[in-house]
């Protein structure tokens, strides 16, 4: 497939879906991952799309990177977190080793 044909397919897909991943494009275009990444970089430099980690988004599609603070997250879904804790605790037997990672639910 010619480069321009791939570009057209990528841009048409972005019109429809607003975002696309490298993996999706690789399968759709039957091209290598490096070819898809080069295409995305070229289209980004040409101002046709916005390159993002793992893929691309349409120019008119707003991408936000807002992440609530830990304090904000700890106030969300409190009852659900308590239910998860009770259930998880019921699965622990004597002499079990339990590792708790970071997070407001495990907290």
PDB file of N, CA and C in Angstrom:
ATOM      1  N   UNK A   1       0.846  -1.176   0.000  1.00  0.00           N
ATOM      2  CA  UNK A   1       0.000   0.000   0.000  1.00  0.00           C
ATOM      3  C   UNK A   1       0.896   1.245   0.000  1.00  0.00           C
ATOM      4  N   UNK A   2       0.527   2.229  -0.775  1.00  0.00           N
ATOM      5  CA  UNK A   2       1.297   3.457  -0.855  1.00  0.00           C
ATOM      6  C   UNK A   2       1.121   4.302   0.407  1.00  0.00           C
ATOM      7  N   UNK A   3       2.130   5.101   0.693  1.00  0.00           N
ATOM      8  CA  UNK A   3       2.109   5.950   1.877  1.00  0.00           C
ATOM      9  C   UNK A   3       0.874   6.849   1.894  1.00  0.00           C
ATOM     10  N   UNK A   4       0.581   7.490   0.772  1.00  0.00           N
ATOM     11  CA  UNK A   4      -0.576   8.394   0.716  1.00  0.00           C
ATOM     12  C   UNK A   4      -1.884   7.656   0.987  1.00  0.00           C
ATOM     13  N   UNK A   5      -1.968   6.412   0.560  1.00  0.00           N
ATOM     14  CA  UNK A   5      -3.170   5.616   0.823  1.00  0.00           C
ATOM     15  C   UNK A   5      -3.313   5.355   2.322  1.00  0.00           C
ATOM     16  N   UNK A   6      -2.202   5.036   2.970  1.00  0.00           N
ATOM     17  CA  UNK A   6      -2.237   4.822   4.420  1.00  0.00           C
ATOM     18  C   UNK A   6      -2.656   6.102   5.130  1.00  0.00           C
ATOM     19  N   UNK A   7      -2.092   7.230   4.702  1.00  0.00           N
ATOM     20  CA  UNK A   7      -2.441   8.515   5.308  1.00  0.00           C
ATOM     21  C   UNK A   7      -3.949   8.758   5.202  1.00  0.00           C
ATOM     22  N   UNK A   8      -4.512   8.533   4.019  1.00  0.00           N
ATOM     23  CA  UNK A   8      -5.944   8.747   3.809  1.00  0.00           C
ATOM     24  C   UNK A   8      -6.780   7.866   4.739  1.00  0.00           C
ATOM     25  N   UNK A   9      -6.375   6.603   4.875  1.00  0.00           N
ATOM     26  CA  UNK A   9      -7.113   5.671   5.739  1.00  0.00           C
ATOM     27  C   UNK A   9      -7.038   6.128   7.199  1.00  0.00           C
ATOM     28  N   UNK A  10      -5.852   6.527   7.625  1.00  0.00           N
ATOM     29  CA  UNK A  10      -5.675   6.987   9.005  1.00  0.00           C
ATOM     30  C   UNK A  10      -6.549   8.202   9.275  1.00  0.00           C
ATOM     31  N   UNK A  11      -6.526   9.170   8.375  1.00  0.00           N
ATOM     32  CA  UNK A  11      -7.289  10.401   8.577  1.00  0.00           C
ATOM     33  C   UNK A  11      -8.796  10.161   8.521  1.00  0.00           C
ATOM     34  N   UNK A  12      -9.244   9.287   7.645  1.00  0.00           N
ATOM     35  CA  UNK A  12     -10.672   8.958   7.570  1.00  0.00           C
ATOM     36  C   UNK A  12     -11.126   8.258   8.850  1.00  0.00           C
ATOM     37  N   UNK A  13     -10.294   7.366   9.347  1.00  0.00           N
ATOM     38  CA  UNK A  13     -10.618   6.670  10.590  1.00  0.00           C
ATOM     39  C   UNK A  13     -10.702   7.650  11.759  1.00  0.00           C
ATOM     40  N   UNK A  14      -9.797   8.611  11.788  1.00  0.00           N
ATOM     41  CA  UNK A  14      -9.835   9.618  12.850  1.00  0.00           C
ATOM     42  C   UNK A  14     -11.071  10.503  12.743  1.00  0.00           C
ATOM     43  N   UNK A  15     -11.531  10.786  11.542  1.00  0.00           N
ATOM     44  CA  UNK A  15     -12.774  11.551  11.371  1.00  0.00           C
ATOM     45  C   UNK A  15     -13.942  10.818  12.019  1.00  0.00           C
ATOM     46  N   UNK A  16     -13.967   9.508  11.839  1.00  0.00           N
ATOM     47  CA  UNK A  16     -15.065   8.683  12.350  1.00  0.00           C
ATOM     48  C   UNK A  16     -14.970   8.453  13.854  1.00  0.00           C
ATOM     49  N   UNK A  17     -13.770   8.100  14.319  1.00  0.00           N
ATOM     50  CA  UNK A  17     -13.624   7.615  15.697  1.00  0.00           C
ATOM     51  C   UNK A  17     -12.964   8.591  16.654  1.00  0.00           C
ATOM     52  N   UNK A  18     -12.355   9.620  16.144  1.00  0.00           N
ATOM     53  CA  UNK A  18     -11.672  10.666  16.926  1.00  0.00           C
ATOM     54  C   UNK A  18     -10.343  10.228  17.526  1.00  0.00           C
ATOM     55  N   UNK A  19     -10.118   8.934  17.703  1.00  0.00           N
ATOM     56  CA  UNK A  19      -8.827   8.458  18.192  1.00  0.00           C
ATOM     57  C   UNK A  19      -8.574   7.050  17.659  1.00  0.00           C
ATOM     58  N   UNK A  20      -7.300   6.707  17.585  1.00  0.00           N
ATOM     59  CA  UNK A  20      -6.918   5.392  17.079  1.00  0.00           C
ATOM     60  C   UNK A  20      -5.573   5.007  17.681  1.00  0.00           C
ATOM     61  N   UNK A  21      -5.382   3.712  17.903  1.00  0.00           N
ATOM     62  CA  UNK A  21      -4.116   3.237  18.467  1.00  0.00           C
ATOM     63  C   UNK A  21      -3.208   2.722  17.368  1.00  0.00           C
ATOM     64  N   UNK A  22      -1.923   2.658  17.684  1.00  0.00           N
ATOM     65  CA  UNK A  22      -0.947   2.111  16.750  1.00  0.00           C
ATOM     66  C   UNK A  22      -1.298   0.662  16.420  1.00  0.00           C
ATOM     67  N   UNK A  23      -1.701  -0.094  17.413  1.00  0.00           N
ATOM     68  CA  UNK A  23      -2.053  -1.503  17.206  1.00  0.00           C
ATOM     69  C   UNK A  23      -3.222  -1.643  16.247  1.00  0.00           C
ATOM     70  N   UNK A  24      -4.248  -0.832  16.426  1.00  0.00           N
ATOM     71  CA  UNK A  24      -5.398  -0.883  15.521  1.00  0.00           C
ATOM     72  C   UNK A  24      -4.985  -0.567  14.091  1.00  0.00           C
ATOM     73  N   UNK A  25      -4.167   0.475  13.946  1.00  0.00           N
ATOM     74  CA  UNK A  25      -3.719   0.855  12.602  1.00  0.00           C
ATOM     75  C   UNK A  25      -2.829  -0.217  11.979  1.00  0.00           C
ATOM     76  N   UNK A  26      -1.968  -0.802  12.785  1.00  0.00           N
ATOM     77  CA  UNK A  26      -1.078  -1.849  12.281  1.00  0.00           C
ATOM     78  C   UNK A  26      -1.887  -2.991  11.674  1.00  0.00           C
ATOM     79  N   UNK A  27      -2.936  -3.403  12.379  1.00  0.00           N
ATOM     80  CA  UNK A  27      -3.776  -4.498  11.898  1.00  0.00           C
ATOM     81  C   UNK A  27      -4.597  -4.080  10.678  1.00  0.00           C
ATOM     82  N   UNK A  28      -5.173  -2.899  10.736  1.00  0.00           N
ATOM     83  CA  UNK A  28      -6.009  -2.411   9.646  1.00  0.00           C
ATOM     84  C   UNK A  28      -5.208  -2.207   8.357  1.00  0.00           C
ATOM     85  N   UNK A  29      -4.021  -1.639   8.491  1.00  0.00           N
ATOM     86  CA  UNK A  29      -3.201  -1.324   7.323  1.00  0.00           C
ATOM     87  C   UNK A  29      -2.315  -2.480   6.886  1.00  0.00           C
ATOM     88  N   UNK A  30      -2.253  -3.522   7.709  1.00  0.00           N
ATOM     89  CA  UNK A  30      -1.349  -4.651   7.466  1.00  0.00           C
ATOM     90  C   UNK A  30       0.074  -4.140   7.238  1.00  0.00           C
ATOM     91  N   UNK A  31       0.487  -3.273   8.160  1.00  0.00           N
ATOM     92  CA  UNK A  31       1.807  -2.652   8.080  1.00  0.00           C
ATOM     93  C   UNK A  31       2.541  -2.905   9.388  1.00  0.00           C
ATOM     94  N   UNK A  32       3.823  -2.666   9.381  1.00  0.00           N
ATOM     95  CA  UNK A  32       4.603  -2.851  10.604  1.00  0.00           C
ATOM     96  C   UNK A  32       4.313  -1.716  11.583  1.00  0.00           C
ATOM     97  N   UNK A  33       4.608  -1.967  12.836  1.00  0.00           N
ATOM     98  CA  UNK A  33       4.409  -0.951  13.863  1.00  0.00           C
ATOM     99  C   UNK A  33       5.263   0.277  13.575  1.00  0.00           C
ATOM    100  N   UNK A  34       6.497   0.066  13.117  1.00  0.00           N
ATOM    101  CA  UNK A  34       7.373   1.204  12.836  1.00  0.00           C
ATOM    102  C   UNK A  34       6.845   2.036  11.668  1.00  0.00           C
ATOM    103  N   UNK A  35       6.236   1.394  10.678  1.00  0.00           N
ATOM    104  CA  UNK A  35       5.647   2.134   9.559  1.00  0.00           C
ATOM    105  C   UNK A  35       4.490   2.989  10.052  1.00  0.00           C
ATOM    106  N   UNK A  36       3.640   2.409  10.879  1.00  0.00           N
ATOM    107  CA  UNK A  36       2.494   3.143  11.420  1.00  0.00           C
ATOM    108  C   UNK A  36       2.974   4.326  12.256  1.00  0.00           C
ATOM    109  N   UNK A  37       3.990   4.096  13.081  1.00  0.00           N
ATOM    110  CA  UNK A  37       4.513   5.189  13.909  1.00  0.00           C
ATOM    111  C   UNK A  37       5.093   6.304  13.040  1.00  0.00           C
ATOM    112  N   UNK A  38       5.807   5.941  11.982  1.00  0.00           N
ATOM    113  CA  UNK A  38       6.347   6.951  11.065  1.00  0.00           C
ATOM    114  C   UNK A  38       5.215   7.738  10.392  1.00  0.00           C
ATOM    115  N   UNK A  39       4.156   7.040  10.006  1.00  0.00           N
ATOM    116  CA  UNK A  39       3.008   7.707   9.390  1.00  0.00           C
ATOM    117  C   UNK A  39       2.381   8.707  10.359  1.00  0.00           C
ATOM    118  N   UNK A  40       2.200   8.295  11.612  1.00  0.00           N
ATOM    119  CA  UNK A  40       1.610   9.181  12.616  1.00  0.00           C
ATOM    120  C   UNK A  40       2.498  10.399  12.834  1.00  0.00           C
ATOM    121  N   UNK A  41       3.794  10.185  12.921  1.00  0.00           N
ATOM    122  CA  UNK A  41       4.734  11.300  13.118  1.00  0.00           C
ATOM    123  C   UNK A  41       4.662  12.267  11.941  1.00  0.00           C
ATOM    124  N   UNK A  42       4.638  11.737  10.722  1.00  0.00           N
ATOM    125  CA  UNK A  42       4.571  12.585   9.528  1.00  0.00           C
ATOM    126  C   UNK A  42       3.277  13.387   9.488  1.00  0.00           C
ATOM    127  N   UNK A  43       2.153  12.741   9.801  1.00  0.00           N
ATOM    128  CA  UNK A  43       0.866  13.429   9.792  1.00  0.00           C
ATOM    129  C   UNK A  43       0.773  14.464  10.915  1.00  0.00           C
ATOM    130  N   UNK A  44       1.411  14.181  12.044  1.00  0.00           N
ATOM    131  CA  UNK A  44       1.460  15.134  13.148  1.00  0.00           C
ATOM    132  C   UNK A  44       2.269  16.361  12.727  1.00  0.00           C
ATOM    133  N   UNK A  45       3.429  16.145  12.126  1.00  0.00           N
ATOM    134  CA  UNK A  45       4.265  17.260  11.666  1.00  0.00           C
ATOM    135  C   UNK A  45       3.569  18.086  10.599  1.00  0.00           C
ATOM    136  N   UNK A  46       2.718  17.434   9.802  1.00  0.00           N
ATOM    137  CA  UNK A  46       1.971  18.138   8.754  1.00  0.00           C
ATOM    138  C   UNK A  46       0.735  18.844   9.305  1.00  0.00           C
ATOM    139  N   UNK A  47       0.465  18.675  10.596  1.00  0.00           N
ATOM    140  CA  UNK A  47      -0.674  19.333  11.219  1.00  0.00           C
ATOM    141  C   UNK A  47      -2.009  18.690  10.899  1.00  0.00           C
ATOM    142  N   UNK A  48      -1.987  17.398  10.571  1.00  0.00           N
ATOM    143  CA  UNK A  48      -3.218  16.694  10.194  1.00  0.00           C
ATOM    144  C   UNK A  48      -3.857  15.946  11.354  1.00  0.00           C
ATOM    145  N   UNK A  49      -3.082  15.653  12.400  1.00  0.00           N
ATOM    146  CA  UNK A  49      -3.563  14.938  13.578  1.00  0.00           C
ATOM    147  C   UNK A  49      -2.688  15.308  14.757  1.00  0.00           C
ATOM    148  N   UNK A  50      -3.050  14.828  15.920  1.00  0.00           N
ATOM    149  CA  UNK A  50      -2.228  15.027  17.108  1.00  0.00           C
ATOM    150  C   UNK A  50      -1.697  13.673  17.557  1.00  0.00           C
ATOM    151  N   UNK A  51      -0.377  13.562  17.601  1.00  0.00           N
ATOM    152  CA  UNK A  51       0.270  12.325  18.047  1.00  0.00           C
ATOM    153  C   UNK A  51       0.167  12.268  19.559  1.00  0.00           C
ATOM    154  N   UNK A  52      -0.270  11.125  20.078  1.00  0.00           N
ATOM    155  CA  UNK A  52      -0.333  10.892  21.515  1.00  0.00           C
ATOM    156  C   UNK A  52       0.350   9.568  21.814  1.00  0.00           C
ATOM    157  N   UNK A  53       0.601   9.308  23.077  1.00  0.00           N
ATOM    158  CA  UNK A  53       1.242   8.057  23.468  1.00  0.00           C
ATOM    159  C   UNK A  53       0.387   6.877  23.017  1.00  0.00           C
ATOM    160  N   UNK A  54       0.933   6.040  22.149  1.00  0.00           N
ATOM    161  CA  UNK A  54       0.233   4.837  21.706  1.00  0.00           C
ATOM    162  C   UNK A  54      -0.672   5.013  20.509  1.00  0.00           C
ATOM    163  N   UNK A  55      -0.732   6.227  19.942  1.00  0.00           N
ATOM    164  CA  UNK A  55      -1.611   6.408  18.799  1.00  0.00           C
ATOM    165  C   UNK A  55      -1.748   7.845  18.377  1.00  0.00           C
ATOM    166  N   UNK A  56      -2.973   8.213  17.965  1.00  0.00           N
ATOM    167  CA  UNK A  56      -3.228   9.566  17.484  1.00  0.00           C
ATOM    168  C   UNK A  56      -4.678   9.938  17.756  1.00  0.00           C
ATOM    169  N   UNK A  57      -4.920  11.235  17.833  1.00  0.00           N
ATOM    170  CA  UNK A  57      -6.275  11.751  17.969  1.00  0.00           C
ATOM    171  C   UNK A  57      -6.504  12.807  16.900  1.00  0.00           C
ATOM    172  N   UNK A  58      -7.776  13.004  16.563  1.00  0.00           N
ATOM    173  CA  UNK A  58      -8.140  14.018  15.585  1.00  0.00           C
ATOM    174  C   UNK A  58      -7.801  15.396  16.147  1.00  0.00           C
ATOM    175  N   UNK A  59      -7.502  16.324  15.258  1.00  0.00           N
ATOM    176  CA  UNK A  59      -7.141  17.672  15.689  1.00  0.00           C
ATOM    177  C   UNK A  59      -8.245  18.340  16.497  1.00  0.00           C
ATOM    178  N   UNK A  60      -9.488  18.112  16.127  1.00  0.00           N
ATOM    179  CA  UNK A  60     -10.602  18.758  16.816  1.00  0.00           C
ATOM    180  C   UNK A  60     -11.048  18.008  18.062  1.00  0.00           C
ATOM    181  N   UNK A  61     -10.328  16.969  18.420  1.00  0.00           N
ATOM    182  CA  UNK A  61     -10.665  16.166  19.604  1.00  0.00           C
ATOM    183  C   UNK A  61      -9.795  16.628  20.766  1.00  0.00           C
ATOM    184  N   UNK A  62     -10.425  17.154  21.782  1.00  0.00           N
ATOM    185  CA  UNK A  62      -9.691  17.677  22.932  1.00  0.00           C
ATOM    186  C   UNK A  62      -9.231  16.528  23.831  1.00  0.00           C
ATOM    187  N   UNK A  63      -7.956  16.532  24.162  1.00  0.00           N
ATOM    188  CA  UNK A  63      -7.379  15.530  25.056  1.00  0.00           C
ATOM    189  C   UNK A  63      -7.013  16.223  26.351  1.00  0.00           C
ATOM    190  N   UNK A  64      -7.491  15.688  27.461  1.00  0.00           N
ATOM    191  CA  UNK A  64      -7.146  16.264  28.749  1.00  0.00           C
ATOM    192  C   UNK A  64      -6.367  15.249  29.567  1.00  0.00           C
ATOM    193  N   UNK A  65      -5.502  15.751  30.376  1.00  0.00           N
ATOM    194  CA  UNK A  65      -4.688  14.882  31.216  1.00  0.00           C
ATOM    195  C   UNK A  65      -5.000  15.132  32.685  1.00  0.00           C
ATOM    196  N   UNK A  66      -6.247  15.481  32.980  1.00  0.00           N
ATOM    197  CA  UNK A  66      -6.633  15.767  34.351  1.00  0.00           C
ATOM    198  C   UNK A  66      -6.667  14.479  35.162  1.00  0.00           C
ATOM    199  N   UNK A  67      -6.061  14.522  36.311  1.00  0.00           N
ATOM    200  CA  UNK A  67      -6.064  13.391  37.234  1.00  0.00           C
ATOM    201  C   UNK A  67      -6.451  13.928  38.605  1.00  0.00           C
ATOM    202  N   UNK A  68      -7.533  13.412  39.192  1.00  0.00           N
ATOM    203  CA  UNK A  68      -7.913  13.882  40.534  1.00  0.00           C
ATOM    204  C   UNK A  68      -6.809  13.584  41.542  1.00  0.00           C
ATOM    205  N   UNK A  69      -6.752  14.378  42.588  1.00  0.00           N
ATOM    206  CA  UNK A  69      -5.750  14.162  43.630  1.00  0.00           C
ATOM    207  C   UNK A  69      -6.130  12.934  44.461  1.00  0.00           C
ATOM    208  N   UNK A  70      -5.188  12.443  45.241  1.00  0.00           N
ATOM    209  CA  UNK A  70      -5.452  11.305  46.120  1.00  0.00           C
ATOM    210  C   UNK A  70      -6.546  11.672  47.124  1.00  0.00           C
ATOM    211  N   UNK A  71      -6.501  12.878  47.624  1.00  0.00           N
ATOM    212  CA  UNK A  71      -7.530  13.319  48.580  1.00  0.00           C
ATOM    213  C   UNK A  71      -8.909  13.289  47.930  1.00  0.00           C
ATOM    214  N   UNK A  72      -8.994  13.723  46.673  1.00  0.00           N
ATOM    215  CA  UNK A  72     -10.269  13.696  45.970  1.00  0.00           C
ATOM    216  C   UNK A  72     -10.730  12.262  45.724  1.00  0.00           C
ATOM    217  N   UNK A  73      -9.804  11.410  45.296  1.00  0.00           N
ATOM    218  CA  UNK A  73     -10.148  10.013  45.022  1.00  0.00           C
ATOM    219  C   UNK A  73     -10.585   9.280  46.286  1.00  0.00           C
ATOM    220  N   UNK A  74      -9.962   9.608  47.405  1.00  0.00           N
ATOM    221  CA  UNK A  74     -10.302   8.896  48.647  1.00  0.00           C
ATOM    222  C   UNK A  74     -11.729   9.194  49.088  1.00  0.00           C
ATOM    223  N   UNK A  75     -12.288  10.298  48.627  1.00  0.00           N
ATOM    224  CA  UNK A  75     -13.656  10.661  48.982  1.00  0.00           C
ATOM    225  C   UNK A  75     -14.692  10.035  48.038  1.00  0.00           C
ATOM    226  N   UNK A  76     -14.242   9.453  46.955  1.00  0.00           N
ATOM    227  CA  UNK A  76     -15.151   8.848  45.975  1.00  0.00           C
ATOM    228  C   UNK A  76     -15.454   7.401  46.327  1.00  0.00           C
ATOM    229  N   UNK A  77     -16.695   6.996  46.136  1.00  0.00           N
ATOM    230  CA  UNK A  77     -17.106   5.587  46.267  1.00  0.00           C
ATOM    231  C   UNK A  77     -16.711   4.961  47.603  1.00  0.00           C
ATOM    232  N   UNK A  78     -16.882   5.691  48.674  1.00  0.00           N
ATOM    233  CA  UNK A  78     -16.460   5.200  49.994  1.00  0.00           C
ATOM    234  C   UNK A  78     -17.139   3.889  50.381  1.00  0.00           C
ATOM    235  N   UNK A  79     -18.432   3.799  50.176  1.00  0.00           N
ATOM    236  CA  UNK A  79     -19.153   2.580  50.556  1.00  0.00           C
ATOM    237  C   UNK A  79     -18.685   1.381  49.732  1.00  0.00           C
ATOM    238  N   UNK A  80     -18.465   1.599  48.467  1.00  0.00           N
ATOM    239  CA  UNK A  80     -17.994   0.511  47.602  1.00  0.00           C
ATOM    240  C   UNK A  80     -16.618   0.039  48.041  1.00  0.00           C
ATOM    241  N   UNK A  81     -15.770   0.977  48.420  1.00  0.00           N
ATOM    242  CA  UNK A  81     -14.427   0.625  48.888  1.00  0.00           C
ATOM    243  C   UNK A  81     -14.495  -0.184  50.184  1.00  0.00           C
ATOM    244  N   UNK A  82     -15.423   0.156  51.047  1.00  0.00           N
ATOM    245  CA  UNK A  82     -15.594  -0.601  52.295  1.00  0.00           C
ATOM    246  C   UNK A  82     -16.076  -2.025  52.000  1.00  0.00           C
ATOM    247  N   UNK A  83     -16.984  -2.162  51.040  1.00  0.00           N
ATOM    248  CA  UNK A  83     -17.474  -3.498  50.655  1.00  0.00           C
ATOM    249  C   UNK A  83     -16.337  -4.339  50.084  1.00  0.00           C
ATOM    250  N   UNK A  84     -15.511  -3.732  49.263  1.00  0.00           N
ATOM    251  CA  UNK A  84     -14.356  -4.441  48.699  1.00  0.00           C
ATOM    252  C   UNK A  84     -13.430  -4.889  49.823  1.00  0.00           C
ATOM    253  N   UNK A  85     -13.196  -4.009  50.789  1.00  0.00           N
ATOM    254  CA  UNK A  85     -12.316  -4.334  51.911  1.00  0.00           C
ATOM    255  C   UNK A  85     -12.857  -5.502  52.732  1.00  0.00           C
ATOM    256  N   UNK A  86     -14.164  -5.466  53.029  1.00  0.00           N
ATOM    257  CA  UNK A  86     -14.767  -6.556  53.795  1.00  0.00           C
ATOM    258  C   UNK A  86     -14.642  -7.888  53.053  1.00  0.00           C
ATOM    259  N   UNK A  87     -14.935  -7.853  51.760  1.00  0.00           N
ATOM    260  CA  UNK A  87     -14.852  -9.084  50.965  1.00  0.00           C
ATOM    261  C   UNK A  87     -13.410  -9.586  50.897  1.00  0.00           C
ATOM    262  N   UNK A  88     -12.483  -8.696  50.630  1.00  0.00           N
ATOM    263  CA  UNK A  88     -11.070  -9.087  50.548  1.00  0.00           C
ATOM    264  C   UNK A  88     -10.601  -9.676  51.880  1.00  0.00           C
ATOM    265  N   UNK A  89     -11.002  -9.057  52.969  1.00  0.00           N
ATOM    266  CA  UNK A  89     -10.609  -9.553  54.292  1.00  0.00           C
ATOM    267  C   UNK A  89     -11.175 -10.944  54.545  1.00  0.00           C
ATOM    268  N   UNK A  90     -12.360 -11.226  54.010  1.00  0.00           N
ATOM    269  CA  UNK A  90     -12.974 -12.543  54.225  1.00  0.00           C
ATOM    270  C   UNK A  90     -12.221 -13.653  53.489  1.00  0.00           C
ATOM    271  N   UNK A  91     -11.403 -13.286  52.522  1.00  0.00           N
ATOM    272  CA  UNK A  91     -10.650 -14.283  51.748  1.00  0.00           C
ATOM    273  C   UNK A  91      -9.316 -14.643  52.390  1.00  0.00           C
ATOM    274  N   UNK A  92      -8.921 -13.897  53.385  1.00  0.00           N
ATOM    275  CA  UNK A  92      -7.614 -14.086  54.008  1.00  0.00           C
ATOM    276  C   UNK A  92      -7.713 -15.106  55.135  1.00  0.00           C
ATOM    277  N   UNK A  93      -6.855 -16.094  55.043  1.00  0.00           N
ATOM    278  CA  UNK A  93      -6.809 -17.138  56.074  1.00  0.00           C
ATOM    279  C   UNK A  93      -5.559 -16.944  56.933  1.00  0.00           C
ATOM    280  N   UNK A  94      -5.527 -17.649  58.056  1.00  0.00           N
ATOM    281  CA  UNK A  94      -4.366 -17.588  58.937  1.00  0.00           C
ATOM    282  C   UNK A  94      -3.117 -17.982  58.155  1.00  0.00           C
ATOM    283  N   UNK A  95      -2.026 -17.290  58.423  1.00  0.00           N
ATOM    284  CA  UNK A  95      -0.726 -17.526  57.797  1.00  0.00           C
ATOM    285  C   UNK A  95      -0.675 -17.138  56.313  1.00  0.00           C
ATOM    286  N   UNK A  96      -1.711 -16.494  55.787  1.00  0.00           N
ATOM    287  CA  UNK A  96      -1.656 -15.969  54.419  1.00  0.00           C
ATOM    288  C   UNK A  96      -0.737 -14.755  54.396  1.00  0.00           C
ATOM    289  N   UNK A  97      -0.103 -14.567  53.264  1.00  0.00           N
ATOM    290  CA  UNK A  97       0.710 -13.377  53.040  1.00  0.00           C
ATOM    291  C   UNK A  97      -0.077 -12.475  52.106  1.00  0.00           C
ATOM    292  N   UNK A  98      -0.278 -11.234  52.496  1.00  0.00           N
ATOM    293  CA  UNK A  98      -1.058 -10.301  51.690  1.00  0.00           C
ATOM    294  C   UNK A  98      -0.200  -9.080  51.388  1.00  0.00           C
ATOM    295  N   UNK A  99      -0.147  -8.731  50.129  1.00  0.00           N
ATOM    296  CA  UNK A  99       0.561  -7.531  49.697  1.00  0.00           C
ATOM    297  C   UNK A  99      -0.470  -6.518  49.239  1.00  0.00           C
ATOM    298  N   UNK A 100      -0.442  -5.333  49.802  1.00  0.00           N
ATOM    299  CA  UNK A 100      -1.343  -4.266  49.400  1.00  0.00           C
ATOM    300  C   UNK A 100      -0.524  -3.182  48.704  1.00  0.00           C
ATOM    301  N   UNK A 101      -0.896  -2.890  47.487  1.00  0.00           N
ATOM    302  CA  UNK A 101      -0.218  -1.852  46.722  1.00  0.00           C
ATOM    303  C   UNK A 101      -0.840  -0.508  47.049  1.00  0.00           C
ATOM    304  N   UNK A 102      -0.302   0.535  46.498  1.00  0.00           N
ATOM    305  CA  UNK A 102      -0.806   1.887  46.742  1.00  0.00           C
ATOM    306  C   UNK A 102      -2.153   2.084  46.054  1.00  0.00           C
ATOM    307  N   UNK A 103      -2.942   2.966  46.610  1.00  0.00           N
ATOM    308  CA  UNK A 103      -4.224   3.298  46.007  1.00  0.00           C
ATOM    309  C   UNK A 103      -5.247   3.649  47.060  1.00  0.00           C
ATOM    310  N   UNK A 104      -6.253   4.388  46.669  1.00  0.00           N
ATOM    311  CA  UNK A 104      -7.257   4.802  47.639  1.00  0.00           C
ATOM    312  C   UNK A 104      -8.191   3.666  48.031  1.00  0.00           C
ATOM    313  N   UNK A 105      -8.376   2.708  47.165  1.00  0.00           N
ATOM    314  CA  UNK A 105      -9.214   1.562  47.526  1.00  0.00           C
ATOM    315  C   UNK A 105      -8.479   0.670  48.530  1.00  0.00           C
ATOM    316  N   UNK A 106      -7.225   0.395  48.279  1.00  0.00           N
ATOM    317  CA  UNK A 106      -6.473  -0.438  49.226  1.00  0.00           C
ATOM    318  C   UNK A 106      -6.224   0.301  50.536  1.00  0.00           C
ATOM    319  N   UNK A 107      -6.173   1.611  50.473  1.00  0.00           N
ATOM    320  CA  UNK A 107      -6.003   2.406  51.694  1.00  0.00           C
ATOM    321  C   UNK A 107      -7.182   2.228  52.619  1.00  0.00           C
TER     322      UNK A 107
END
